[in-house]
PDB file of all heavy atoms in Angstrom:
ATOM      1  N   SER A   1       0.798  -1.134   0.004  1.00  0.00           N
ATOM      2  CA  SER A   1       0.017   0.045   0.032  1.00  0.00           C
ATOM      3  C   SER A   1       0.860   1.232   0.020  1.00  0.00           C
ATOM      4  O   SER A   1       0.632   2.230  -0.723  1.00  0.00           O
ATOM      5  CB  SER A   1      -0.920  -0.008   1.245  1.00  0.00           C
ATOM      6  OG  SER A   1      -1.801   1.157   1.285  1.00  0.00           O
ATOM      7  N   GLU A   2       1.924   1.320   0.848  1.00  0.00           N
ATOM      8  CA  GLU A   2       2.798   2.434   0.915  1.00  0.00           C
ATOM      9  C   GLU A   2       3.554   2.665  -0.404  1.00  0.00           C
ATOM     10  O   GLU A   2       3.638   3.733  -0.915  1.00  0.00           O
ATOM     11  CB  GLU A   2       3.800   2.170   2.034  1.00  0.00           C
ATOM     12  CG  GLU A   2       3.230   2.272   3.412  1.00  0.00           C
ATOM     13  CD  GLU A   2       4.358   1.934   4.433  1.00  0.00           C
ATOM     14  OE1 GLU A   2       5.456   1.704   4.120  1.00  0.00           O
ATOM     15  OE2 GLU A   2       3.826   1.794   5.637  1.00  0.00           O
ATOM     16  N   LEU A   3       4.046   1.505  -1.053  1.00  0.00           N
ATOM     17  CA  LEU A   3       4.800   1.666  -2.261  1.00  0.00           C
ATOM     18  C   LEU A   3       3.896   2.145  -3.459  1.00  0.00           C
ATOM     19  O   LEU A   3       4.341   2.827  -4.292  1.00  0.00           O
ATOM     20  CB  LEU A   3       5.447   0.237  -2.641  1.00  0.00           C
ATOM     21  CG  LEU A   3       6.568  -0.151  -1.656  1.00  0.00           C
ATOM     22  CD1 LEU A   3       6.983  -1.629  -1.961  1.00  0.00           C
ATOM     23  CD2 LEU A   3       7.805   0.745  -1.919  1.00  0.00           C
ATOM     24  N   GLU A   4       2.651   1.645  -3.561  1.00  0.00           N
ATOM     25  CA  GLU A   4       1.719   2.034  -4.512  1.00  0.00           C
ATOM     26  C   GLU A   4       1.430   3.493  -4.444  1.00  0.00           C
ATOM     27  O   GLU A   4       1.283   4.194  -5.420  1.00  0.00           O
ATOM     28  CB  GLU A   4       0.432   1.141  -4.452  1.00  0.00           C
ATOM     29  CG  GLU A   4       0.597  -0.238  -4.940  1.00  0.00           C
ATOM     30  CD  GLU A   4      -0.666  -1.080  -4.733  1.00  0.00           C
ATOM     31  OE1 GLU A   4      -1.479  -0.735  -3.859  1.00  0.00           O
ATOM     32  OE2 GLU A   4      -0.844  -2.041  -5.600  1.00  0.00           O
ATOM     33  N   THR A   5       1.313   4.002  -3.109  1.00  0.00           N
ATOM     34  CA  THR A   5       1.156   5.428  -2.922  1.00  0.00           C
ATOM     35  C   THR A   5       2.301   6.258  -3.550  1.00  0.00           C
ATOM     36  O   THR A   5       2.076   7.229  -4.144  1.00  0.00           O
ATOM     37  CB  THR A   5       0.848   5.707  -1.428  1.00  0.00           C
ATOM     38  OG1 THR A   5      -0.214   4.968  -1.005  1.00  0.00           O
ATOM     39  CG2 THR A   5       0.555   7.128  -1.212  1.00  0.00           C
ATOM     40  N   LYS A   6       3.474   5.764  -3.221  1.00  0.00           N
ATOM     41  CA  LYS A   6       4.710   6.537  -3.733  1.00  0.00           C
ATOM     42  C   LYS A   6       4.706   6.545  -5.234  1.00  0.00           C
ATOM     43  O   LYS A   6       5.076   7.544  -5.871  1.00  0.00           O
ATOM     44  CB  LYS A   6       5.933   5.766  -3.150  1.00  0.00           C
ATOM     45  CG  LYS A   6       6.211   6.094  -1.715  1.00  0.00           C
ATOM     46  CD  LYS A   6       7.549   5.457  -1.269  1.00  0.00           C
ATOM     47  CE  LYS A   6       7.756   5.695   0.241  1.00  0.00           C
ATOM     48  NZ  LYS A   6       9.071   5.108   0.788  1.00  0.00           N
ATOM     49  N   VAL A   7       4.457   5.353  -5.835  1.00  0.00           N
ATOM     50  CA  VAL A   7       4.434   5.268  -7.280  1.00  0.00           C
ATOM     51  C   VAL A   7       3.438   6.202  -7.870  1.00  0.00           C
ATOM     52  O   VAL A   7       3.737   6.988  -8.897  1.00  0.00           O
ATOM     53  CB  VAL A   7       4.122   3.888  -7.826  1.00  0.00           C
ATOM     54  CG1 VAL A   7       3.900   3.842  -9.279  1.00  0.00           C
ATOM     55  CG2 VAL A   7       5.315   2.862  -7.429  1.00  0.00           C
ATOM     56  N   SER A   8       2.285   6.309  -7.332  1.00  0.00           N
ATOM     57  CA  SER A   8       1.202   7.250  -7.809  1.00  0.00           C
ATOM     58  C   SER A   8       1.688   8.637  -7.600  1.00  0.00           C
ATOM     59  O   SER A   8       1.463   9.519  -8.519  1.00  0.00           O
ATOM     60  CB  SER A   8      -0.081   7.034  -6.923  1.00  0.00           C
ATOM     61  OG  SER A   8      -0.583   5.698  -7.193  1.00  0.00           O
ATOM     62  N   GLU A   9       2.362   9.015  -6.574  1.00  0.00           N
ATOM     63  CA  GLU A   9       2.882  10.386  -6.405  1.00  0.00           C
ATOM     64  C   GLU A   9       3.895  10.755  -7.344  1.00  0.00           C
ATOM     65  O   GLU A   9       3.864  11.921  -7.945  1.00  0.00           O
ATOM     66  CB  GLU A   9       3.429  10.514  -4.905  1.00  0.00           C
ATOM     67  CG  GLU A   9       2.404  10.538  -3.841  1.00  0.00           C
ATOM     68  CD  GLU A   9       3.045  10.447  -2.463  1.00  0.00           C
ATOM     69  OE1 GLU A   9       4.273  10.229  -2.379  1.00  0.00           O
ATOM     70  OE2 GLU A   9       2.274  10.439  -1.454  1.00  0.00           O
ATOM     71  N   PHE A  10       4.833   9.754  -7.725  1.00  0.00           N
ATOM     72  CA  PHE A  10       5.815  10.007  -8.750  1.00  0.00           C
ATOM     73  C   PHE A  10       5.095  10.293 -10.041  1.00  0.00           C
ATOM     74  O   PHE A  10       5.508  11.189 -10.756  1.00  0.00           O
ATOM     75  CB  PHE A  10       6.819   8.783  -8.906  1.00  0.00           C
ATOM     76  CG  PHE A  10       7.901   8.786  -7.925  1.00  0.00           C
ATOM     77  CD1 PHE A  10       8.112   7.697  -7.128  1.00  0.00           C
ATOM     78  CD2 PHE A  10       8.822   9.814  -7.765  1.00  0.00           C
ATOM     79  CE1 PHE A  10       9.061   7.627  -6.203  1.00  0.00           C
ATOM     80  CE2 PHE A  10       9.816   9.822  -6.843  1.00  0.00           C
ATOM     81  CZ  PHE A  10      10.029   8.724  -6.043  1.00  0.00           C
ATOM     82  N   GLU A  11       4.223   9.417 -10.422  1.00  0.00           N
ATOM     83  CA  GLU A  11       3.463   9.594 -11.719  1.00  0.00           C
ATOM     84  C   GLU A  11       2.685  10.852 -11.855  1.00  0.00           C
ATOM     85  O   GLU A  11       2.612  11.411 -12.935  1.00  0.00           O
ATOM     86  CB  GLU A  11       2.598   8.303 -12.006  1.00  0.00           C
ATOM     87  CG  GLU A  11       3.469   7.014 -12.223  1.00  0.00           C
ATOM     88  CD  GLU A  11       2.635   5.821 -12.253  1.00  0.00           C
ATOM     89  OE1 GLU A  11       1.466   5.855 -11.879  1.00  0.00           O
ATOM     90  OE2 GLU A  11       3.190   4.703 -12.690  1.00  0.00           O
ATOM     91  N   ALA A  12       2.169  11.273 -10.707  1.00  0.00           N
ATOM     92  CA  ALA A  12       1.398  12.574 -10.694  1.00  0.00           C
ATOM     93  C   ALA A  12       2.393  13.666 -10.938  1.00  0.00           C
ATOM     94  O   ALA A  12       2.039  14.692 -11.677  1.00  0.00           O
ATOM     95  CB  ALA A  12       0.778  12.717  -9.402  1.00  0.00           C
ATOM     96  N   GLN A  13       3.586  13.588 -10.437  1.00  0.00           N
ATOM     97  CA  GLN A  13       4.608  14.712 -10.710  1.00  0.00           C
ATOM     98  C   GLN A  13       5.106  14.659 -12.167  1.00  0.00           C
ATOM     99  O   GLN A  13       5.199  15.770 -12.803  1.00  0.00           O
ATOM    100  CB  GLN A  13       5.936  14.439  -9.842  1.00  0.00           C
ATOM    101  CG  GLN A  13       5.754  14.641  -8.435  1.00  0.00           C
ATOM    102  CD  GLN A  13       7.034  14.312  -7.628  1.00  0.00           C
ATOM    103  OE1 GLN A  13       8.061  14.248  -8.242  1.00  0.00           O
ATOM    104  NE2 GLN A  13       6.861  14.066  -6.383  1.00  0.00           N
ATOM    105  N   PHE A  14       5.050  13.484 -12.825  1.00  0.00           N
ATOM    106  CA  PHE A  14       5.538  13.357 -14.172  1.00  0.00           C
ATOM    107  C   PHE A  14       4.549  14.118 -15.133  1.00  0.00           C
ATOM    108  O   PHE A  14       5.020  14.539 -16.263  1.00  0.00           O
ATOM    109  CB  PHE A  14       5.711  11.898 -14.619  1.00  0.00           C
ATOM    110  CG  PHE A  14       6.735  11.130 -13.874  1.00  0.00           C
ATOM    111  CD1 PHE A  14       6.803   9.710 -13.890  1.00  0.00           C
ATOM    112  CD2 PHE A  14       7.734  11.832 -13.087  1.00  0.00           C
ATOM    113  CE1 PHE A  14       7.726   9.138 -13.070  1.00  0.00           C
ATOM    114  CE2 PHE A  14       8.646  11.209 -12.341  1.00  0.00           C
ATOM    115  CZ  PHE A  14       8.735   9.790 -12.368  1.00  0.00           C
ATOM    116  N   THR A  15       3.313  14.183 -14.793  1.00  0.00           N
ATOM    117  CA  THR A  15       2.244  14.825 -15.666  1.00  0.00           C
ATOM    118  C   THR A  15       2.484  16.321 -15.657  1.00  0.00           C
ATOM    119  O   THR A  15       2.014  16.995 -16.454  1.00  0.00           O
ATOM    120  CB  THR A  15       0.891  14.454 -15.203  1.00  0.00           C
ATOM    121  OG1 THR A  15       0.651  14.889 -13.832  1.00  0.00           O
ATOM    122  CG2 THR A  15       0.702  12.935 -15.298  1.00  0.00           C
ATOM    123  N   LYS A  16       3.126  16.846 -14.538  1.00  0.00           N
ATOM    124  CA  LYS A  16       3.299  18.245 -14.388  1.00  0.00           C
ATOM    125  C   LYS A  16       4.689  18.851 -14.989  1.00  0.00           C
ATOM    126  O   LYS A  16       4.695  19.923 -15.518  1.00  0.00           O
ATOM    127  CB  LYS A  16       3.173  18.647 -12.916  1.00  0.00           C
ATOM    128  CG  LYS A  16       1.754  18.357 -12.385  1.00  0.00           C
ATOM    129  CD  LYS A  16       1.820  18.695 -10.881  1.00  0.00           C
ATOM    130  CE  LYS A  16       0.399  18.285 -10.202  1.00  0.00           C
ATOM    131  NZ  LYS A  16       0.468  18.528  -8.744  1.00  0.00           N
ATOM    132  N   SER A  17       5.702  17.990 -14.819  1.00  0.00           N
ATOM    133  CA  SER A  17       7.021  18.523 -15.242  1.00  0.00           C
ATOM    134  C   SER A  17       7.914  17.213 -15.663  1.00  0.00           C
ATOM    135  O   SER A  17       7.615  16.109 -15.212  1.00  0.00           O
ATOM    136  CB  SER A  17       7.676  19.300 -14.222  1.00  0.00           C
ATOM    137  OG  SER A  17       7.826  18.586 -13.087  1.00  0.00           O
ATOM    138  N   ASN A  18       8.896  17.402 -16.364  1.00  0.00           N
ATOM    139  CA  ASN A  18       9.728  16.341 -16.770  1.00  0.00           C
ATOM    140  C   ASN A  18      10.650  15.952 -15.494  1.00  0.00           C
ATOM    141  O   ASN A  18      11.231  16.880 -14.837  1.00  0.00           O
ATOM    142  CB  ASN A  18      10.734  16.817 -17.962  1.00  0.00           C
ATOM    143  CG  ASN A  18       9.975  16.898 -19.188  1.00  0.00           C
ATOM    144  OD1 ASN A  18       9.004  16.263 -19.452  1.00  0.00           O
ATOM    145  ND2 ASN A  18      10.429  17.869 -19.962  1.00  0.00           N
ATOM    146  N   PRO A  19      10.768  14.773 -15.279  1.00  0.00           N
ATOM    147  CA  PRO A  19      11.430  14.225 -14.049  1.00  0.00           C
ATOM    148  C   PRO A  19      13.044  14.387 -14.203  1.00  0.00           C
ATOM    149  O   PRO A  19      13.460  14.239 -15.345  1.00  0.00           O
ATOM    150  CB  PRO A  19      11.030  12.834 -13.896  1.00  0.00           C
ATOM    151  CG  PRO A  19      10.805  12.370 -15.299  1.00  0.00           C
ATOM    152  CD  PRO A  19      10.212  13.612 -15.967  1.00  0.00           C
ATOM    153  N   SER A  20      13.646  14.598 -13.181  1.00  0.00           N
ATOM    154  CA  SER A  20      15.111  14.628 -13.171  1.00  0.00           C
ATOM    155  C   SER A  20      15.609  13.109 -13.249  1.00  0.00           C
ATOM    156  O   SER A  20      14.881  12.199 -12.952  1.00  0.00           O
ATOM    157  CB  SER A  20      15.712  15.359 -12.008  1.00  0.00           C
ATOM    158  OG  SER A  20      15.292  14.578 -10.775  1.00  0.00           O
ATOM    159  N   ASP A  21      16.972  12.925 -13.534  1.00  0.00           N
ATOM    160  CA  ASP A  21      17.514  11.622 -13.576  1.00  0.00           C
ATOM    161  C   ASP A  21      17.368  11.052 -12.185  1.00  0.00           C
ATOM    162  O   ASP A  21      17.204   9.833 -11.997  1.00  0.00           O
ATOM    163  CB  ASP A  21      18.942  11.668 -13.942  1.00  0.00           C
ATOM    164  CG  ASP A  21      19.188  12.002 -15.417  1.00  0.00           C
ATOM    165  OD1 ASP A  21      18.061  11.866 -16.144  1.00  0.00           O
ATOM    166  OD2 ASP A  21      20.167  12.463 -15.826  1.00  0.00           O
ATOM    167  N   GLU A  22      17.605  11.768 -11.123  1.00  0.00           N
ATOM    168  CA  GLU A  22      17.514  11.328  -9.858  1.00  0.00           C
ATOM    169  C   GLU A  22      16.155  10.740  -9.431  1.00  0.00           C
ATOM    170  O   GLU A  22      15.987   9.736  -8.799  1.00  0.00           O
ATOM    171  CB  GLU A  22      18.069  12.395  -8.778  1.00  0.00           C
ATOM    172  CG  GLU A  22      18.102  11.875  -7.233  1.00  0.00           C
ATOM    173  CD  GLU A  22      18.502  12.950  -6.374  1.00  0.00           C
ATOM    174  OE1 GLU A  22      18.884  14.109  -6.840  1.00  0.00           O
ATOM    175  OE2 GLU A  22      18.370  12.719  -5.172  1.00  0.00           O
ATOM    176  N   THR A  23      15.132  11.610  -9.890  1.00  0.00           N
ATOM    177  CA  THR A  23      13.727  11.229  -9.583  1.00  0.00           C
ATOM    178  C   THR A  23      13.333   9.929 -10.273  1.00  0.00           C
ATOM    179  O   THR A  23      12.734   9.149  -9.773  1.00  0.00           O
ATOM    180  CB  THR A  23      12.800  12.356  -9.986  1.00  0.00           C
ATOM    181  OG1 THR A  23      13.158  13.642  -9.344  1.00  0.00           O
ATOM    182  CG2 THR A  23      11.350  12.056  -9.660  1.00  0.00           C
ATOM    183  N   LEU A  24      13.831   9.837 -11.626  1.00  0.00           N
ATOM    184  CA  LEU A  24      13.543   8.570 -12.369  1.00  0.00           C
ATOM    185  C   LEU A  24      14.195   7.368 -11.650  1.00  0.00           C
ATOM    186  O   LEU A  24      13.584   6.255 -11.659  1.00  0.00           O
ATOM    187  CB  LEU A  24      14.092   8.803 -13.767  1.00  0.00           C
ATOM    188  CG  LEU A  24      13.141   9.372 -14.736  1.00  0.00           C
ATOM    189  CD1 LEU A  24      13.874   9.658 -16.124  1.00  0.00           C
ATOM    190  CD2 LEU A  24      11.884   8.603 -15.033  1.00  0.00           C
ATOM    191  N   GLU A  25      15.396   7.551 -11.158  1.00  0.00           N
ATOM    192  CA  GLU A  25      16.002   6.554 -10.537  1.00  0.00           C
ATOM    193  C   GLU A  25      15.316   6.053  -9.210  1.00  0.00           C
ATOM    194  O   GLU A  25      15.067   4.778  -8.975  1.00  0.00           O
ATOM    195  CB  GLU A  25      17.408   6.902 -10.122  1.00  0.00           C
ATOM    196  CG  GLU A  25      18.350   5.815  -9.491  1.00  0.00           C
ATOM    197  CD  GLU A  25      19.634   6.135  -9.133  1.00  0.00           C
ATOM    198  OE1 GLU A  25      20.101   7.333  -9.547  1.00  0.00           O
ATOM    199  OE2 GLU A  25      20.466   5.408  -8.451  1.00  0.00           O
ATOM    200  N   GLN A  26      14.712   6.961  -8.467  1.00  0.00           N
ATOM    201  CA  GLN A  26      13.910   6.697  -7.294  1.00  0.00           C
ATOM    202  C   GLN A  26      12.683   5.984  -7.705  1.00  0.00           C
ATOM    203  O   GLN A  26      12.209   5.109  -7.000  1.00  0.00           O
ATOM    204  CB  GLN A  26      13.680   7.971  -6.472  1.00  0.00           C
ATOM    205  CG  GLN A  26      14.950   8.612  -5.747  1.00  0.00           C
ATOM    206  CD  GLN A  26      14.599   9.891  -5.117  1.00  0.00           C
ATOM    207  OE1 GLN A  26      13.503  10.549  -5.363  1.00  0.00           O
ATOM    208  NE2 GLN A  26      15.498  10.360  -4.381  1.00  0.00           N
ATOM    209  N   TYR A  27      12.118   6.494  -8.770  1.00  0.00           N
ATOM    210  CA  TYR A  27      10.829   5.919  -9.274  1.00  0.00           C
ATOM    211  C   TYR A  27      11.000   4.398  -9.570  1.00  0.00           C
ATOM    212  O   TYR A  27      10.175   3.578  -9.268  1.00  0.00           O
ATOM    213  CB  TYR A  27      10.286   6.746 -10.422  1.00  0.00           C
ATOM    214  CG  TYR A  27       9.135   6.138 -11.168  1.00  0.00           C
ATOM    215  CD1 TYR A  27       7.822   6.070 -10.618  1.00  0.00           C
ATOM    216  CD2 TYR A  27       9.285   5.512 -12.468  1.00  0.00           C
ATOM    217  CE1 TYR A  27       6.784   5.458 -11.259  1.00  0.00           C
ATOM    218  CE2 TYR A  27       8.285   4.916 -13.169  1.00  0.00           C
ATOM    219  CZ  TYR A  27       7.017   4.945 -12.502  1.00  0.00           C
ATOM    220  OH  TYR A  27       5.923   4.315 -13.159  1.00  0.00           O
ATOM    221  N   ASN A  28      12.026   4.181 -10.373  1.00  0.00           N
ATOM    222  CA  ASN A  28      12.333   2.773 -10.830  1.00  0.00           C
ATOM    223  C   ASN A  28      12.636   1.915  -9.686  1.00  0.00           C
ATOM    224  O   ASN A  28      12.325   0.713  -9.712  1.00  0.00           O
ATOM    225  CB  ASN A  28      13.471   2.738 -11.855  1.00  0.00           C
ATOM    226  CG  ASN A  28      13.065   3.460 -13.185  1.00  0.00           C
ATOM    227  OD1 ASN A  28      11.916   3.317 -13.633  1.00  0.00           O
ATOM    228  ND2 ASN A  28      14.017   4.036 -13.787  1.00  0.00           N
ATOM    229  N   LYS A  29      13.409   2.421  -8.743  1.00  0.00           N
ATOM    230  CA  LYS A  29      13.725   1.626  -7.517  1.00  0.00           C
ATOM    231  C   LYS A  29      12.429   1.258  -6.725  1.00  0.00           C
ATOM    232  O   LYS A  29      12.238   0.141  -6.237  1.00  0.00           O
ATOM    233  CB  LYS A  29      14.748   2.389  -6.626  1.00  0.00           C
ATOM    234  CG  LYS A  29      15.198   1.633  -5.416  1.00  0.00           C
ATOM    235  CD  LYS A  29      16.253   2.460  -4.637  1.00  0.00           C
ATOM    236  CE  LYS A  29      16.725   1.714  -3.425  1.00  0.00           C
ATOM    237  NZ  LYS A  29      17.645   2.478  -2.659  1.00  0.00           N
ATOM    238  N   THR A  30      11.570   2.245  -6.616  1.00  0.00           N
ATOM    239  CA  THR A  30      10.220   1.984  -5.950  1.00  0.00           C
ATOM    240  C   THR A  30       9.476   0.954  -6.604  1.00  0.00           C
ATOM    241  O   THR A  30       8.827   0.107  -6.031  1.00  0.00           O
ATOM    242  CB  THR A  30       9.510   3.424  -5.788  1.00  0.00           C
ATOM    243  OG1 THR A  30      10.257   4.337  -5.130  1.00  0.00           O
ATOM    244  CG2 THR A  30       8.254   3.140  -4.984  1.00  0.00           C
ATOM    245  N   LYS A  31       9.492   1.062  -7.932  1.00  0.00           N
ATOM    246  CA  LYS A  31       8.614   0.078  -8.769  1.00  0.00           C
ATOM    247  C   LYS A  31       9.236  -1.365  -8.549  1.00  0.00           C
ATOM    248  O   LYS A  31       8.490  -2.351  -8.445  1.00  0.00           O
ATOM    249  CB  LYS A  31       8.755   0.416 -10.325  1.00  0.00           C
ATOM    250  CG  LYS A  31       7.958   1.645 -10.652  1.00  0.00           C
ATOM    251  CD  LYS A  31       6.424   1.213 -11.152  1.00  0.00           C
ATOM    252  CE  LYS A  31       6.552   0.501 -12.391  1.00  0.00           C
ATOM    253  NZ  LYS A  31       5.149   0.217 -12.852  1.00  0.00           N
TER     254      LYS A  31
END
């Protein structure tokens, strides 16, 4: 449940602005 919430938060950020390399790395690690 916690991880799914984090993934959703990352994806919500991606719709507003292009993610940085660090953010993409965190997103992939969370996935």
